[in-house]
């Protein structure tokens, strides 16, 4: 019943976070946001949710606001 060691889990998380960091930095910059929140990716379990929430709920300065369709 031995699963992967704690060290192996941390190494895998660090690898995935490192691979995701560059694309996330590019997304933040293209949206006109500071890329510093990408550092939250190093937090296991919650890091990706925090970064995704920041992107989802923050106004993007470089993107024009949506205008509702007129019917």
Protein backbone atom coordinates (compact mmCIF):
# COMPACT_ATOMS: atom_id res chain seq x y z
CA UNK A 1 0.00 0.00 0.00
CA UNK A 2 2.95 2.28 -0.31
CA UNK A 3 2.28 5.13 -2.69
CA UNK A 4 4.74 7.62 -4.07
CA UNK A 5 6.96 9.23 -1.49
CA UNK A 6 6.32 12.75 -0.31
CA UNK A 7 9.52 13.88 -1.99
CA UNK A 8 8.41 12.40 -5.31
CA UNK A 9 5.09 14.22 -5.04
CA UNK A 10 6.85 17.54 -4.38
CA UNK A 11 9.19 16.94 -7.31
CA UNK A 12 6.25 16.23 -9.62
CA UNK A 13 4.41 19.35 -8.43
CA UNK A 14 7.53 21.48 -8.91
CA UNK A 15 7.94 20.12 -12.45
CA UNK A 16 4.31 20.79 -13.39
CA UNK A 17 4.41 24.28 -11.84
CA UNK A 18 7.64 25.09 -13.69
CA UNK A 19 6.20 23.90 -17.00
CA UNK A 20 3.02 25.95 -16.47
CA UNK A 21 4.79 29.12 -15.33
CA UNK A 22 6.01 30.37 -18.73
CA UNK A 23 2.64 30.12 -20.52
CA UNK A 24 0.88 31.69 -17.53
CA UNK A 25 3.34 34.60 -17.50
CA UNK A 26 2.61 35.17 -21.19
CA UNK A 27 -1.15 35.10 -20.55
CA UNK A 28 -0.86 37.63 -17.72
CA UNK A 29 1.28 39.96 -19.85
CA UNK A 30 -1.03 39.77 -22.87
CA UNK A 31 -3.97 40.55 -20.62
CA UNK A 32 -2.13 43.61 -19.29
CA UNK A 33 -1.70 42.21 -15.78
CA UNK A 34 1.37 41.89 -13.59
CA UNK A 35 2.83 38.35 -13.86
CA UNK A 36 3.65 38.16 -10.13
CA UNK A 37 0.58 36.06 -9.20
CA UNK A 38 2.16 33.20 -11.17
CA UNK A 39 4.28 32.61 -8.06
CA UNK A 40 1.15 31.12 -6.46
CA UNK A 41 1.69 28.07 -8.68
CA UNK A 42 4.24 26.76 -6.17
CA UNK A 43 1.48 26.25 -3.58
CA UNK A 44 0.33 22.65 -3.84
CA UNK A 45 -3.36 21.94 -4.46
CA UNK A 46 -4.54 25.57 -4.30
CA UNK A 47 -1.94 27.36 -6.45
CA UNK A 48 -3.49 26.63 -9.82
CA UNK A 49 -6.95 27.54 -8.50
CA UNK A 50 -5.68 30.87 -7.15
CA UNK A 51 -3.99 31.80 -10.44
CA UNK A 52 -7.05 30.75 -12.43
CA UNK A 53 -9.31 32.77 -10.15
CA UNK A 54 -7.15 35.85 -10.55
CA UNK A 55 -7.38 35.55 -14.32
CA UNK A 56 -11.11 34.88 -14.22
CA UNK A 57 -12.19 37.64 -11.86
CA UNK A 58 -9.77 40.48 -12.62
CA UNK A 59 -10.48 43.07 -15.30
CA UNK A 60 -7.99 42.77 -18.14
CA UNK A 61 -6.74 46.27 -19.07
CA UNK A 62 -5.63 45.34 -22.61
CA UNK A 63 -8.95 43.77 -23.55
CA UNK A 64 -11.88 45.96 -24.51
CA UNK A 65 -14.96 45.58 -22.31
CA UNK A 66 -17.77 43.44 -23.66
CA UNK A 67 -20.79 45.26 -24.96
CA UNK A 68 -24.16 43.54 -24.68
CA UNK A 69 -25.87 42.64 -27.92
CA UNK A 70 -28.82 44.81 -28.90
CA UNK A 71 -31.94 42.87 -29.78
